[in-house]
Amino acid sequence: MAEPSRARPKPTPETQHFWDGTKAGELRLQRCDACAHVYFPPRPFCPKCASRNVTVFRASGHATLYSYVINHRPAAPGFTAPYAIAVVELAEGPRMMCNILDCPQTPEALELDMKLEVAFERLDDAVTLPQFRPAKG
């Protein structure tokens, strides 16, 4: 019997630009044209001022580790314990949840405020996830 696979996000018309970006190797965010607020997750209006005048742009892909928890319990389908569930703060300001790749999943290796860079994990033809790994250099 095949092992259950990881849950997949379901793109919507409001989030499709984000998923098209990850598939193309780009982390795309939105900026409000009225108040300049940069936000995530994607939505058709600014969460700060409610303006619908928003622009999609390519983010730098740089972040810092804001918080994390290491899961040691029996893993969810598609994961092997232990694994970190992290919150990263993007250079542009918003925070997002992800996993940390290419790094031991230990408190000694996962230092708060460590510099990270985006890495894309292709799950299938439809979905590529933005994850993060320690920045090189």
C-alpha atoms as a PDB file:
ATOM      1  CA  MET A   1       0.000   0.000   0.000  1.00  0.00           C
ATOM      2  CA  ALA A   2       1.355   3.435  -0.934  1.00  0.00           C
ATOM      3  CA  GLU A   3       2.294   5.840   1.840  1.00  0.00           C
ATOM      4  CA  PRO A   4      -0.162   8.743   2.180  1.00  0.00           C
ATOM      5  CA  SER A   5       1.082  11.934   0.566  1.00  0.00           C
ATOM      6  CA  ARG A   6       1.408  15.398   2.002  1.00  0.00           C
ATOM      7  CA  ALA A   7      -1.698  17.586   1.936  1.00  0.00           C
ATOM      8  CA  ARG A   8      -1.743  19.975  -1.000  1.00  0.00           C
ATOM      9  CA  PRO A   9      -2.926  23.581  -0.896  1.00  0.00           C
ATOM     10  CA  LYS A  10      -5.761  24.374  -3.280  1.00  0.00           C
ATOM     11  CA  PRO A  11      -5.078  27.489  -5.388  1.00  0.00           C
ATOM     12  CA  THR A  12      -8.023  29.850  -5.801  1.00  0.00           C
ATOM     13  CA  PRO A  13      -8.506  32.718  -8.260  1.00  0.00           C
ATOM     14  CA  GLU A  14      -7.317  35.096  -5.498  1.00  0.00           C
ATOM     15  CA  THR A  15      -4.125  33.108  -4.815  1.00  0.00           C
ATOM     16  CA  GLN A  16      -3.304  31.782  -8.300  1.00  0.00           C
ATOM     17  CA  HIS A  17      -0.662  34.482  -8.941  1.00  0.00           C
ATOM     18  CA  PHE A  18       1.204  33.278  -5.826  1.00  0.00           C
ATOM     19  CA  TRP A  19       1.186  29.623  -6.941  1.00  0.00           C
ATOM     20  CA  ASP A  20       2.139  30.556 -10.512  1.00  0.00           C
ATOM     21  CA  GLY A  21       5.099  32.392  -8.985  1.00  0.00           C
ATOM     22  CA  THR A  22       6.273  29.472  -6.868  1.00  0.00           C
ATOM     23  CA  LYS A  23       6.063  27.202  -9.903  1.00  0.00           C
ATOM     24  CA  ALA A  24       8.290  29.723 -11.749  1.00  0.00           C
ATOM     25  CA  GLY A  25      10.760  29.890  -8.833  1.00  0.00           C
ATOM     26  CA  GLU A  26       9.542  33.271  -7.583  1.00  0.00           C
ATOM     27  CA  LEU A  27       8.139  34.278  -4.208  1.00  0.00           C
ATOM     28  CA  ARG A  28       5.381  36.788  -5.016  1.00  0.00           C
ATOM     29  CA  LEU A  29       3.868  39.181  -2.496  1.00  0.00           C
ATOM     30  CA  GLN A  30       1.342  41.984  -2.740  1.00  0.00           C
ATOM     31  CA  ARG A  31       1.789  45.696  -1.978  1.00  0.00           C
ATOM     32  CA  CYS A  32      -1.055  48.116  -1.444  1.00  0.00           C
ATOM     33  CA  ASP A  33      -0.901  51.034  -3.881  1.00  0.00           C
ATOM     34  CA  ALA A  34      -2.825  53.235  -1.419  1.00  0.00           C
ATOM     35  CA  CYS A  35      -0.850  52.751   1.831  1.00  0.00           C
ATOM     36  CA  ALA A  36       2.277  50.804   0.663  1.00  0.00           C
ATOM     37  CA  HIS A  37       1.593  47.918   3.100  1.00  0.00           C
ATOM     38  CA  VAL A  38       3.198  44.626   1.977  1.00  0.00           C
ATOM     39  CA  TYR A  39       1.238  41.561   2.993  1.00  0.00           C
ATOM     40  CA  PHE A  40       0.893  37.788   2.964  1.00  0.00           C
ATOM     41  CA  PRO A  41      -1.161  35.625   2.488  1.00  0.00           C
ATOM     42  CA  PRO A  42      -2.504  36.759  -0.876  1.00  0.00           C
ATOM     43  CA  ARG A  43      -5.925  38.389  -1.027  1.00  0.00           C
ATOM     44  CA  PRO A  44      -7.622  40.865  -3.359  1.00  0.00           C
ATOM     45  CA  PHE A  45      -7.602  43.765  -0.849  1.00  0.00           C
ATOM     46  CA  CYS A  46      -5.179  45.342   1.610  1.00  0.00           C
ATOM     47  CA  PRO A  47      -5.667  43.992   5.158  1.00  0.00           C
ATOM     48  CA  LYS A  48      -4.519  47.347   6.576  1.00  0.00           C
ATOM     49  CA  CYS A  49      -6.672  49.883   4.685  1.00  0.00           C
ATOM     50  CA  ALA A  50      -9.059  47.657   2.638  1.00  0.00           C
ATOM     51  CA  SER A  51      -7.991  49.193  -0.686  1.00  0.00           C
ATOM     52  CA  ARG A  52      -8.420  46.945  -3.699  1.00  0.00           C
ATOM     53  CA  ASN A  53      -5.607  48.764  -5.525  1.00  0.00           C
ATOM     54  CA  VAL A  54      -2.830  46.241  -4.972  1.00  0.00           C
ATOM     55  CA  THR A  55       0.227  45.224  -6.968  1.00  0.00           C
ATOM     56  CA  VAL A  56       1.854  41.790  -7.131  1.00  0.00           C
ATOM     57  CA  PHE A  57       5.662  41.895  -7.050  1.00  0.00           C
ATOM     58  CA  ARG A  58       8.585  39.504  -6.843  1.00  0.00           C
ATOM     59  CA  ALA A  59       9.992  39.359  -3.309  1.00  0.00           C
ATOM     60  CA  SER A  60      13.714  39.103  -2.597  1.00  0.00           C
ATOM     61  CA  GLY A  61      13.460  35.591  -1.146  1.00  0.00           C
ATOM     62  CA  HIS A  62      15.432  36.657   1.951  1.00  0.00           C
ATOM     63  CA  ALA A  63      14.093  36.063   5.452  1.00  0.00           C
ATOM     64  CA  THR A  64      15.051  35.461   9.069  1.00  0.00           C
ATOM     65  CA  LEU A  65      13.864  32.697  11.361  1.00  0.00           C
ATOM     66  CA  TYR A  66      11.258  34.275  13.631  1.00  0.00           C
ATOM     67  CA  SER A  67       9.969  31.213  15.523  1.00  0.00           C
ATOM     68  CA  TYR A  68       9.687  27.446  15.229  1.00  0.00           C
ATOM     69  CA  VAL A  69       8.641  24.245  16.916  1.00  0.00           C
ATOM     70  CA  ILE A  70      10.204  20.862  16.256  1.00  0.00           C
ATOM     71  CA  ASN A  71       7.638  18.122  15.822  1.00  0.00           C
ATOM     72  CA  HIS A  72       8.802  14.788  17.291  1.00  0.00           C
ATOM     73  CA  ARG A  73       5.414  13.075  17.345  1.00  0.00           C
ATOM     74  CA  PRO A  74       4.385  10.627  14.674  1.00  0.00           C
ATOM     75  CA  ALA A  75       4.565  12.671  11.541  1.00  0.00           C
ATOM     76  CA  ALA A  76       1.719  13.849   9.387  1.00  0.00           C
ATOM     77  CA  PRO A  77       1.559  12.173   5.966  1.00  0.00           C
ATOM     78  CA  GLY A  78       4.466  13.286   3.795  1.00  0.00           C
ATOM     79  CA  PHE A  79       6.717  14.261   6.730  1.00  0.00           C
ATOM     80  CA  THR A  80       9.457  12.418   8.608  1.00  0.00           C
ATOM     81  CA  ALA A  81       9.888  13.360  12.278  1.00  0.00           C
ATOM     82  CA  PRO A  82      11.609  15.315  13.610  1.00  0.00           C
ATOM     83  CA  TYR A  83      10.813  18.326  11.443  1.00  0.00           C
ATOM     84  CA  ALA A  84      10.555  22.041  12.109  1.00  0.00           C
ATOM     85  CA  ILE A  85       7.371  24.002  11.607  1.00  0.00           C
ATOM     86  CA  ALA A  86       8.688  27.529  11.264  1.00  0.00           C
ATOM     87  CA  VAL A  87       7.563  31.121  10.998  1.00  0.00           C
ATOM     88  CA  VAL A  88       9.930  33.264   8.964  1.00  0.00           C
ATOM     89  CA  GLU A  89       9.955  37.030   8.653  1.00  0.00           C
ATOM     90  CA  LEU A  90      10.442  38.079   5.061  1.00  0.00           C
ATOM     91  CA  ALA A  91      12.814  40.946   4.259  1.00  0.00           C
ATOM     92  CA  GLU A  92       9.763  42.824   2.932  1.00  0.00           C
ATOM     93  CA  GLY A  93       8.005  42.545   6.318  1.00  0.00           C
ATOM     94  CA  PRO A  94       5.314  39.849   6.250  1.00  0.00           C
ATOM     95  CA  ARG A  95       5.687  36.551   8.086  1.00  0.00           C
ATOM     96  CA  MET A  96       4.853  33.145   6.694  1.00  0.00           C
ATOM     97  CA  MET A  97       4.835  29.546   7.884  1.00  0.00           C
ATOM     98  CA  CYS A  98       7.077  27.003   6.194  1.00  0.00           C
ATOM     99  CA  ASN A  99       9.548  24.225   6.806  1.00  0.00           C
ATOM    100  CA  ILE A 100      13.301  24.670   7.047  1.00  0.00           C
ATOM    101  CA  LEU A 101      15.269  22.562   4.572  1.00  0.00           C
ATOM    102  CA  ASP A 102      18.948  21.591   4.312  1.00  0.00           C
ATOM    103  CA  CYS A 103      19.506  22.042   8.047  1.00  0.00           C
ATOM    104  CA  PRO A 104      19.503  19.688  11.041  1.00  0.00           C
ATOM    105  CA  GLN A 105      16.130  19.889  12.747  1.00  0.00           C
ATOM    106  CA  THR A 106      17.601  20.665  16.166  1.00  0.00           C
ATOM    107  CA  PRO A 107      17.585  23.713  18.470  1.00  0.00           C
ATOM    108  CA  GLU A 108      21.365  23.951  18.063  1.00  0.00           C
ATOM    109  CA  ALA A 109      21.042  24.385  14.278  1.00  0.00           C
ATOM    110  CA  LEU A 110      17.826  26.415  14.159  1.00  0.00           C
ATOM    111  CA  GLU A 111      18.881  29.720  15.683  1.00  0.00           C
ATOM    112  CA  LEU A 112      16.333  32.507  15.932  1.00  0.00           C
ATOM    113  CA  ASP A 113      17.136  35.411  13.597  1.00  0.00           C
ATOM    114  CA  MET A 114      19.291  33.178  11.384  1.00  0.00           C
ATOM    115  CA  LYS A 115      19.451  34.354   7.779  1.00  0.00           C
ATOM    116  CA  LEU A 116      17.388  32.276   5.356  1.00  0.00           C
ATOM    117  CA  GLU A 117      16.694  32.130   1.637  1.00  0.00           C
ATOM    118  CA  VAL A 118      13.708  30.755  -0.198  1.00  0.00           C
ATOM    119  CA  ALA A 119      13.855  27.258  -1.688  1.00  0.00           C
ATOM    120  CA  PHE A 120      11.071  25.762  -3.762  1.00  0.00           C
ATOM    121  CA  GLU A 121       9.764  22.244  -3.151  1.00  0.00           C
ATOM    122  CA  ARG A 122       7.838  20.839  -6.108  1.00  0.00           C
ATOM    123  CA  LEU A 123       5.066  18.536  -4.875  1.00  0.00           C
ATOM    124  CA  ASP A 124       3.478  17.822  -8.263  1.00  0.00           C
ATOM    125  CA  ASP A 125       2.682  19.550 -11.566  1.00  0.00           C
ATOM    126  CA  ALA A 126       0.183  21.892  -9.882  1.00  0.00           C
ATOM    127  CA  VAL A 127       1.834  22.849  -6.579  1.00  0.00           C
ATOM    128  CA  THR A 128       5.313  24.052  -5.634  1.00  0.00           C
ATOM    129  CA  LEU A 129       5.777  25.125  -2.013  1.00  0.00           C
ATOM    130  CA  PRO A 130       7.987  27.967  -0.831  1.00  0.00           C
ATOM    131  CA  GLN A 131      10.256  26.658   1.926  1.00  0.00           C
ATOM    132  CA  PHE A 132      13.380  28.190   3.414  1.00  0.00           C
ATOM    133  CA  ARG A 133      16.976  27.079   4.028  1.00  0.00           C
ATOM    134  CA  PRO A 134      19.983  28.709   5.702  1.00  0.00           C
ATOM    135  CA  ALA A 135      21.370  31.473   3.489  1.00  0.00           C
ATOM    136  CA  LYS A 136      24.689  30.766   1.820  1.00  0.00           C
ATOM    137  CA  GLY A 137      27.591  33.038   2.656  1.00  0.00           C
END
